[in-house]
Amino acid sequence: MKEHQRMLTSNAMTVQRISAILEQNGIPSMIKDNIESGRLAGFGTAQNDVDLYVNSADLERAKAIIEDYEGDISTF
């Protein structure tokens, strides 16, 4: 089994926010910013090209936390 699994691909702002929520809940995450990598290499990528990875053991818990978060913001 892979040590880390991609949990989400979205824009940088969304991925940063979800990463912070996971960190607050004790789940470390890694961000792979393909936009910044492409910019540094001299070419562009799609706007929603930032990946969020979590440890495989934390994946189900992370999904549940994010589902709760999405439910909270949809009530505004």
PDB file of N, CA and C in Angstrom:
ATOM      1  N   MET A   1       0.842  -1.184   0.000  1.00  0.00           N
ATOM      2  CA  MET A   1       0.000   0.000   0.000  1.00  0.00           C
ATOM      3  C   MET A   1       0.885   1.244   0.000  1.00  0.00           C
ATOM      4  N   LYS A   2       0.445   2.250  -0.702  1.00  0.00           N
ATOM      5  CA  LYS A   2       1.195   3.496  -0.750  1.00  0.00           C
ATOM      6  C   LYS A   2       1.199   4.153   0.626  1.00  0.00           C
ATOM      7  N   GLU A   3       2.317   4.812   0.947  1.00  0.00           N
ATOM      8  CA  GLU A   3       2.391   5.513   2.220  1.00  0.00           C
ATOM      9  C   GLU A   3       1.483   6.743   2.228  1.00  0.00           C
ATOM     10  N   HIS A   4       1.474   7.486   1.126  1.00  0.00           N
ATOM     11  CA  HIS A   4       0.614   8.664   1.000  1.00  0.00           C
ATOM     12  C   HIS A   4      -0.318   8.496  -0.195  1.00  0.00           C
ATOM     13  N   GLN A   5      -1.518   9.018  -0.043  1.00  0.00           N
ATOM     14  CA  GLN A   5      -2.485   8.964  -1.133  1.00  0.00           C
ATOM     15  C   GLN A   5      -3.025  10.360  -1.400  1.00  0.00           C
ATOM     16  N   ARG A   6      -3.281  10.633  -2.670  1.00  0.00           N
ATOM     17  CA  ARG A   6      -3.866  11.922  -3.023  1.00  0.00           C
ATOM     18  C   ARG A   6      -5.307  11.953  -2.544  1.00  0.00           C
ATOM     19  N   MET A   7      -5.618  12.981  -1.804  1.00  0.00           N
ATOM     20  CA  MET A   7      -6.957  13.125  -1.257  1.00  0.00           C
ATOM     21  C   MET A   7      -7.790  14.086  -2.087  1.00  0.00           C
ATOM     22  N   LEU A   8      -7.125  15.076  -2.699  1.00  0.00           N
ATOM     23  CA  LEU A   8      -7.859  16.157  -3.334  1.00  0.00           C
ATOM     24  C   LEU A   8      -6.980  16.846  -4.364  1.00  0.00           C
ATOM     25  N   THR A   9      -7.582  17.292  -5.438  1.00  0.00           N
ATOM     26  CA  THR A   9      -6.942  18.191  -6.397  1.00  0.00           C
ATOM     27  C   THR A   9      -7.881  19.370  -6.579  1.00  0.00           C
ATOM     28  N   SER A  10      -7.361  20.568  -6.338  1.00  0.00           N
ATOM     29  CA  SER A  10      -8.196  21.762  -6.436  1.00  0.00           C
ATOM     30  C   SER A  10      -7.305  22.975  -6.644  1.00  0.00           C
ATOM     31  N   ASN A  11      -7.852  24.158  -6.369  1.00  0.00           N
ATOM     32  CA  ASN A  11      -7.045  25.372  -6.472  1.00  0.00           C
ATOM     33  C   ASN A  11      -6.222  25.547  -5.191  1.00  0.00           C
ATOM     34  N   ALA A  12      -5.228  26.410  -5.248  1.00  0.00           N
ATOM     35  CA  ALA A  12      -4.292  26.573  -4.134  1.00  0.00           C
ATOM     36  C   ALA A  12      -4.990  27.019  -2.850  1.00  0.00           C
ATOM     37  N   MET A  13      -5.945  27.928  -2.954  1.00  0.00           N
ATOM     38  CA  MET A  13      -6.614  28.440  -1.760  1.00  0.00           C
ATOM     39  C   MET A  13      -7.389  27.337  -1.037  1.00  0.00           C
ATOM     40  N   THR A  14      -8.126  26.547  -1.787  1.00  0.00           N
ATOM     41  CA  THR A  14      -8.903  25.460  -1.190  1.00  0.00           C
ATOM     42  C   THR A  14      -7.995  24.422  -0.554  1.00  0.00           C
ATOM     43  N   VAL A  15      -6.945  24.042  -1.254  1.00  0.00           N
ATOM     44  CA  VAL A  15      -6.025  23.027  -0.733  1.00  0.00           C
ATOM     45  C   VAL A  15      -5.329  23.526   0.532  1.00  0.00           C
ATOM     46  N   GLN A  16      -4.900  24.783   0.557  1.00  0.00           N
ATOM     47  CA  GLN A  16      -4.256  25.339   1.753  1.00  0.00           C
ATOM     48  C   GLN A  16      -5.218  25.324   2.939  1.00  0.00           C
ATOM     49  N   ARG A  17      -6.471  25.692   2.712  1.00  0.00           N
ATOM     50  CA  ARG A  17      -7.460  25.720   3.791  1.00  0.00           C
ATOM     51  C   ARG A  17      -7.734  24.320   4.323  1.00  0.00           C
ATOM     52  N   ILE A  18      -7.914  23.364   3.445  1.00  0.00           N
ATOM     53  CA  ILE A  18      -8.183  21.996   3.886  1.00  0.00           C
ATOM     54  C   ILE A  18      -6.968  21.417   4.601  1.00  0.00           C
ATOM     55  N   SER A  19      -5.784  21.718   4.117  1.00  0.00           N
ATOM     56  CA  SER A  19      -4.566  21.275   4.791  1.00  0.00           C
ATOM     57  C   SER A  19      -4.512  21.817   6.218  1.00  0.00           C
ATOM     58  N   ALA A  20      -4.872  23.087   6.403  1.00  0.00           N
ATOM     59  CA  ALA A  20      -4.871  23.694   7.736  1.00  0.00           C
ATOM     60  C   ALA A  20      -5.896  23.021   8.651  1.00  0.00           C
ATOM     61  N   ILE A  21      -7.071  22.716   8.117  1.00  0.00           N
ATOM     62  CA  ILE A  21      -8.099  22.034   8.910  1.00  0.00           C
ATOM     63  C   ILE A  21      -7.608  20.659   9.347  1.00  0.00           C
ATOM     64  N   LEU A  22      -6.992  19.934   8.431  1.00  0.00           N
ATOM     65  CA  LEU A  22      -6.471  18.611   8.779  1.00  0.00           C
ATOM     66  C   LEU A  22      -5.388  18.721   9.844  1.00  0.00           C
ATOM     67  N   GLU A  23      -4.483  19.689   9.701  1.00  0.00           N
ATOM     68  CA  GLU A  23      -3.414  19.892  10.689  1.00  0.00           C
ATOM     69  C   GLU A  23      -4.008  20.181  12.067  1.00  0.00           C
ATOM     70  N   GLN A  24      -5.071  20.987  12.119  1.00  0.00           N
ATOM     71  CA  GLN A  24      -5.728  21.299  13.389  1.00  0.00           C
ATOM     72  C   GLN A  24      -6.316  20.051  14.037  1.00  0.00           C
ATOM     73  N   ASN A  25      -6.609  19.053  13.226  1.00  0.00           N
ATOM     74  CA  ASN A  25      -7.171  17.797  13.721  1.00  0.00           C
ATOM     75  C   ASN A  25      -6.122  16.701  13.853  1.00  0.00           C
ATOM     76  N   GLY A  26      -4.856  17.078  13.796  1.00  0.00           N
ATOM     77  CA  GLY A  26      -3.772  16.127  14.017  1.00  0.00           C
ATOM     78  C   GLY A  26      -3.444  15.244  12.828  1.00  0.00           C
ATOM     79  N   ILE A  27      -3.837  15.654  11.632  1.00  0.00           N
ATOM     80  CA  ILE A  27      -3.544  14.874  10.430  1.00  0.00           C
ATOM     81  C   ILE A  27      -2.566  15.662   9.563  1.00  0.00           C
ATOM     82  N   PRO A  28      -1.321  15.223   9.494  1.00  0.00           N
ATOM     83  CA  PRO A  28      -0.360  15.923   8.634  1.00  0.00           C
ATOM     84  C   PRO A  28      -0.687  15.689   7.163  1.00  0.00           C
ATOM     85  N   SER A  29      -0.342  16.662   6.341  1.00  0.00           N
ATOM     86  CA  SER A  29      -0.595  16.538   4.909  1.00  0.00           C
ATOM     87  C   SER A  29       0.569  17.125   4.128  1.00  0.00           C
ATOM     88  N   MET A  30       0.614  16.783   2.847  1.00  0.00           N
ATOM     89  CA  MET A  30       1.625  17.327   1.939  1.00  0.00           C
ATOM     90  C   MET A  30       0.906  17.959   0.759  1.00  0.00           C
ATOM     91  N   ILE A  31       1.441  19.078   0.297  1.00  0.00           N
ATOM     92  CA  ILE A  31       0.864  19.777  -0.850  1.00  0.00           C
ATOM     93  C   ILE A  31       1.846  19.722  -2.007  1.00  0.00           C
ATOM     94  N   LYS A  32       1.347  19.302  -3.164  1.00  0.00           N
ATOM     95  CA  LYS A  32       2.141  19.311  -4.394  1.00  0.00           C
ATOM     96  C   LYS A  32       1.535  20.377  -5.294  1.00  0.00           C
ATOM     97  N   ASP A  33       2.257  21.468  -5.458  1.00  0.00           N
ATOM     98  CA  ASP A  33       1.762  22.615  -6.212  1.00  0.00           C
ATOM     99  C   ASP A  33       2.294  22.561  -7.637  1.00  0.00           C
ATOM    100  N   ASN A  34       1.528  21.946  -8.521  1.00  0.00           N
ATOM    101  CA  ASN A  34       1.938  21.832  -9.920  1.00  0.00           C
ATOM    102  C   ASN A  34       1.939  23.180 -10.630  1.00  0.00           C
ATOM    103  N   ILE A  35       1.139  24.119 -10.144  1.00  0.00           N
ATOM    104  CA  ILE A  35       1.104  25.455 -10.741  1.00  0.00           C
ATOM    105  C   ILE A  35       2.443  26.141 -10.539  1.00  0.00           C
ATOM    106  N   GLU A  36       2.923  26.132  -9.298  1.00  0.00           N
ATOM    107  CA  GLU A  36       4.202  26.777  -9.000  1.00  0.00           C
ATOM    108  C   GLU A  36       5.346  26.048  -9.687  1.00  0.00           C
ATOM    109  N   SER A  37       5.297  24.732  -9.721  1.00  0.00           N
ATOM    110  CA  SER A  37       6.339  23.966 -10.416  1.00  0.00           C
ATOM    111  C   SER A  37       6.383  24.331 -11.891  1.00  0.00           C
ATOM    112  N   GLY A  38       5.225  24.438 -12.518  1.00  0.00           N
ATOM    113  CA  GLY A  38       5.159  24.814 -13.926  1.00  0.00           C
ATOM    114  C   GLY A  38       5.652  26.225 -14.166  1.00  0.00           C
ATOM    115  N   ARG A  39       5.281  27.129 -13.268  1.00  0.00           N
ATOM    116  CA  ARG A  39       5.724  28.518 -13.401  1.00  0.00           C
ATOM    117  C   ARG A  39       7.244  28.611 -13.332  1.00  0.00           C
ATOM    118  N   LEU A  40       7.830  27.905 -12.381  1.00  0.00           N
ATOM    119  CA  LEU A  40       9.283  27.933 -12.235  1.00  0.00           C
ATOM    120  C   LEU A  40       9.988  27.302 -13.431  1.00  0.00           C
ATOM    121  N   ALA A  41       9.329  26.332 -14.059  1.00  0.00           N
ATOM    122  CA  ALA A  41       9.922  25.676 -15.224  1.00  0.00           C
ATOM    123  C   ALA A  41       9.684  26.461 -16.513  1.00  0.00           C
ATOM    124  N   GLY A  42       8.835  27.480 -16.454  1.00  0.00           N
ATOM    125  CA  GLY A  42       8.620  28.323 -17.620  1.00  0.00           C
ATOM    126  C   GLY A  42       7.387  28.003 -18.430  1.00  0.00           C
ATOM    127  N   PHE A  43       6.472  27.227 -17.881  1.00  0.00           N
ATOM    128  CA  PHE A  43       5.218  26.950 -18.587  1.00  0.00           C
ATOM    129  C   PHE A  43       4.074  26.924 -17.580  1.00  0.00           C
ATOM    130  N   GLY A  44       2.864  27.032 -18.052  1.00  0.00           N
ATOM    131  CA  GLY A  44       1.704  27.098 -17.175  1.00  0.00           C
ATOM    132  C   GLY A  44       0.978  25.775 -17.051  1.00  0.00           C
ATOM    133  N   THR A  45       0.058  25.738 -16.115  1.00  0.00           N
ATOM    134  CA  THR A  45      -0.790  24.562 -15.903  1.00  0.00           C
ATOM    135  C   THR A  45      -2.213  25.043 -15.639  1.00  0.00           C
ATOM    136  N   ALA A  46      -3.101  24.113 -15.435  1.00  0.00           N
ATOM    137  CA  ALA A  46      -4.487  24.454 -15.118  1.00  0.00           C
ATOM    138  C   ALA A  46      -4.570  25.091 -13.733  1.00  0.00           C
ATOM    139  N   GLN A  47      -5.581  25.926 -13.525  1.00  0.00           N
ATOM    140  CA  GLN A  47      -5.744  26.612 -12.244  1.00  0.00           C
ATOM    141  C   GLN A  47      -5.943  25.619 -11.102  1.00  0.00           C
ATOM    142  N   ASN A  48      -6.703  24.579 -11.329  1.00  0.00           N
ATOM    143  CA  ASN A  48      -6.968  23.585 -10.290  1.00  0.00           C
ATOM    144  C   ASN A  48      -5.973  22.442 -10.394  1.00  0.00           C
ATOM    145  N   ASP A  49      -4.725  22.757 -10.155  1.00  0.00           N
ATOM    146  CA  ASP A  49      -3.667  21.759 -10.315  1.00  0.00           C
ATOM    147  C   ASP A  49      -2.774  21.689  -9.083  1.00  0.00           C
ATOM    148  N   VAL A  50      -3.413  21.722  -7.897  1.00  0.00           N
ATOM    149  CA  VAL A  50      -2.693  21.594  -6.641  1.00  0.00           C
ATOM    150  C   VAL A  50      -3.240  20.349  -5.954  1.00  0.00           C
ATOM    151  N   ASP A  51      -2.344  19.425  -5.593  1.00  0.00           N
ATOM    152  CA  ASP A  51      -2.745  18.155  -4.986  1.00  0.00           C
ATOM    153  C   ASP A  51      -2.489  18.166  -3.486  1.00  0.00           C
ATOM    154  N   LEU A  52      -3.384  17.533  -2.738  1.00  0.00           N
ATOM    155  CA  LEU A  52      -3.232  17.365  -1.299  1.00  0.00           C
ATOM    156  C   LEU A  52      -3.099  15.878  -1.011  1.00  0.00           C
ATOM    157  N   TYR A  53      -2.033  15.505  -0.326  1.00  0.00           N
ATOM    158  CA  TYR A  53      -1.766  14.116   0.019  1.00  0.00           C
ATOM    159  C   TYR A  53      -1.824  13.935   1.529  1.00  0.00           C
ATOM    160  N   VAL A  54      -2.352  12.795   1.961  1.00  0.00           N
ATOM    161  CA  VAL A  54      -2.332  12.422   3.373  1.00  0.00           C
ATOM    162  C   VAL A  54      -1.815  10.995   3.485  1.00  0.00           C
ATOM    163  N   ASN A  55      -1.366  10.653   4.676  1.00  0.00           N
ATOM    164  CA  ASN A  55      -0.916   9.296   4.939  1.00  0.00           C
ATOM    165  C   ASN A  55      -2.088   8.343   4.730  1.00  0.00           C
ATOM    166  N   SER A  56      -1.817   7.211   4.139  1.00  0.00           N
ATOM    167  CA  SER A  56      -2.874   6.229   3.849  1.00  0.00           C
ATOM    168  C   SER A  56      -3.670   5.860   5.093  1.00  0.00           C
ATOM    169  N   ALA A  57      -2.989   5.770   6.232  1.00  0.00           N
ATOM    170  CA  ALA A  57      -3.665   5.398   7.472  1.00  0.00           C
ATOM    171  C   ALA A  57      -4.648   6.472   7.937  1.00  0.00           C
ATOM    172  N   ASP A  58      -4.455   7.714   7.520  1.00  0.00           N
ATOM    173  CA  ASP A  58      -5.313   8.827   7.935  1.00  0.00           C
ATOM    174  C   ASP A  58      -6.390   9.181   6.914  1.00  0.00           C
ATOM    175  N   LEU A  59      -6.406   8.517   5.775  1.00  0.00           N
ATOM    176  CA  LEU A  59      -7.256   8.930   4.661  1.00  0.00           C
ATOM    177  C   LEU A  59      -8.744   8.950   5.011  1.00  0.00           C
ATOM    178  N   GLU A  60      -9.266   7.909   5.599  1.00  0.00           N
ATOM    179  CA  GLU A  60     -10.703   7.852   5.901  1.00  0.00           C
ATOM    180  C   GLU A  60     -11.093   8.906   6.929  1.00  0.00           C
ATOM    181  N   ARG A  61     -10.259   9.084   7.949  1.00  0.00           N
ATOM    182  CA  ARG A  61     -10.535  10.111   8.958  1.00  0.00           C
ATOM    183  C   ARG A  61     -10.495  11.506   8.331  1.00  0.00           C
ATOM    184  N   ALA A  62      -9.529  11.730   7.450  1.00  0.00           N
ATOM    185  CA  ALA A  62      -9.408  13.026   6.772  1.00  0.00           C
ATOM    186  C   ALA A  62     -10.643  13.299   5.915  1.00  0.00           C
ATOM    187  N   LYS A  63     -11.117  12.296   5.202  1.00  0.00           N
ATOM    188  CA  LYS A  63     -12.316  12.468   4.375  1.00  0.00           C
ATOM    189  C   LYS A  63     -13.522  12.844   5.233  1.00  0.00           C
ATOM    190  N   ALA A  64     -13.665  12.204   6.392  1.00  0.00           N
ATOM    191  CA  ALA A  64     -14.790  12.500   7.281  1.00  0.00           C
ATOM    192  C   ALA A  64     -14.712  13.934   7.800  1.00  0.00           C
ATOM    193  N   ILE A  65     -13.527  14.397   8.148  1.00  0.00           N
ATOM    194  CA  ILE A  65     -13.348  15.765   8.637  1.00  0.00           C
ATOM    195  C   ILE A  65     -13.720  16.765   7.550  1.00  0.00           C
ATOM    196  N   ILE A  66     -13.275  16.508   6.331  1.00  0.00           N
ATOM    197  CA  ILE A  66     -13.555  17.427   5.229  1.00  0.00           C
ATOM    198  C   ILE A  66     -15.042  17.415   4.870  1.00  0.00           C
ATOM    199  N   GLU A  67     -15.691  16.268   4.942  1.00  0.00           N
ATOM    200  CA  GLU A  67     -17.138  16.214   4.690  1.00  0.00           C
ATOM    201  C   GLU A  67     -17.891  17.062   5.714  1.00  0.00           C
ATOM    202  N   ASP A  68     -17.464  17.003   6.983  1.00  0.00           N
ATOM    203  CA  ASP A  68     -18.080  17.843   8.016  1.00  0.00           C
ATOM    204  C   ASP A  68     -17.859  19.317   7.708  1.00  0.00           C
ATOM    205  N   TYR A  69     -16.647  19.665   7.303  1.00  0.00           N
ATOM    206  CA  TYR A  69     -16.317  21.051   6.958  1.00  0.00           C
ATOM    207  C   TYR A  69     -17.169  21.532   5.787  1.00  0.00           C
ATOM    208  N   GLU A  70     -17.286  20.711   4.752  1.00  0.00           N
ATOM    209  CA  GLU A  70     -18.092  21.093   3.588  1.00  0.00           C
ATOM    210  C   GLU A  70     -19.555  21.269   3.974  1.00  0.00           C
ATOM    211  N   GLY A  71     -20.045  20.451   4.885  1.00  0.00           N
ATOM    212  CA  GLY A  71     -21.414  20.598   5.363  1.00  0.00           C
ATOM    213  C   GLY A  71     -21.610  21.902   6.115  1.00  0.00           C
ATOM    214  N   ASP A  72     -20.609  22.291   6.905  1.00  0.00           N
ATOM    215  CA  ASP A  72     -20.690  23.541   7.663  1.00  0.00           C
ATOM    216  C   ASP A  72     -20.727  24.755   6.743  1.00  0.00           C
ATOM    217  N   ILE A  73     -19.894  24.767   5.697  1.00  0.00           N
ATOM    218  CA  ILE A  73     -19.848  25.959   4.847  1.00  0.00           C
ATOM    219  C   ILE A  73     -21.045  26.041   3.904  1.00  0.00           C
ATOM    220  N   SER A  74     -21.701  24.925   3.657  1.00  0.00           N
ATOM    221  CA  SER A  74     -22.858  24.966   2.756  1.00  0.00           C
ATOM    222  C   SER A  74     -24.106  25.498   3.455  1.00  0.00           C
ATOM    223  N   THR A  75     -24.044  25.683   4.775  1.00  0.00           N
ATOM    224  CA  THR A  75     -25.197  26.195   5.508  1.00  0.00           C
ATOM    225  C   THR A  75     -25.232  27.711   5.556  1.00  0.00           C
ATOM    226  N   PHE A  76     -24.200  28.386   5.034  1.00  0.00           N
ATOM    227  CA  PHE A  76     -24.166  29.861   5.044  1.00  0.00           C
ATOM    228  C   PHE A  76     -25.046  30.428   3.971  1.00  0.00           C
TER     229      PHE A  76
END
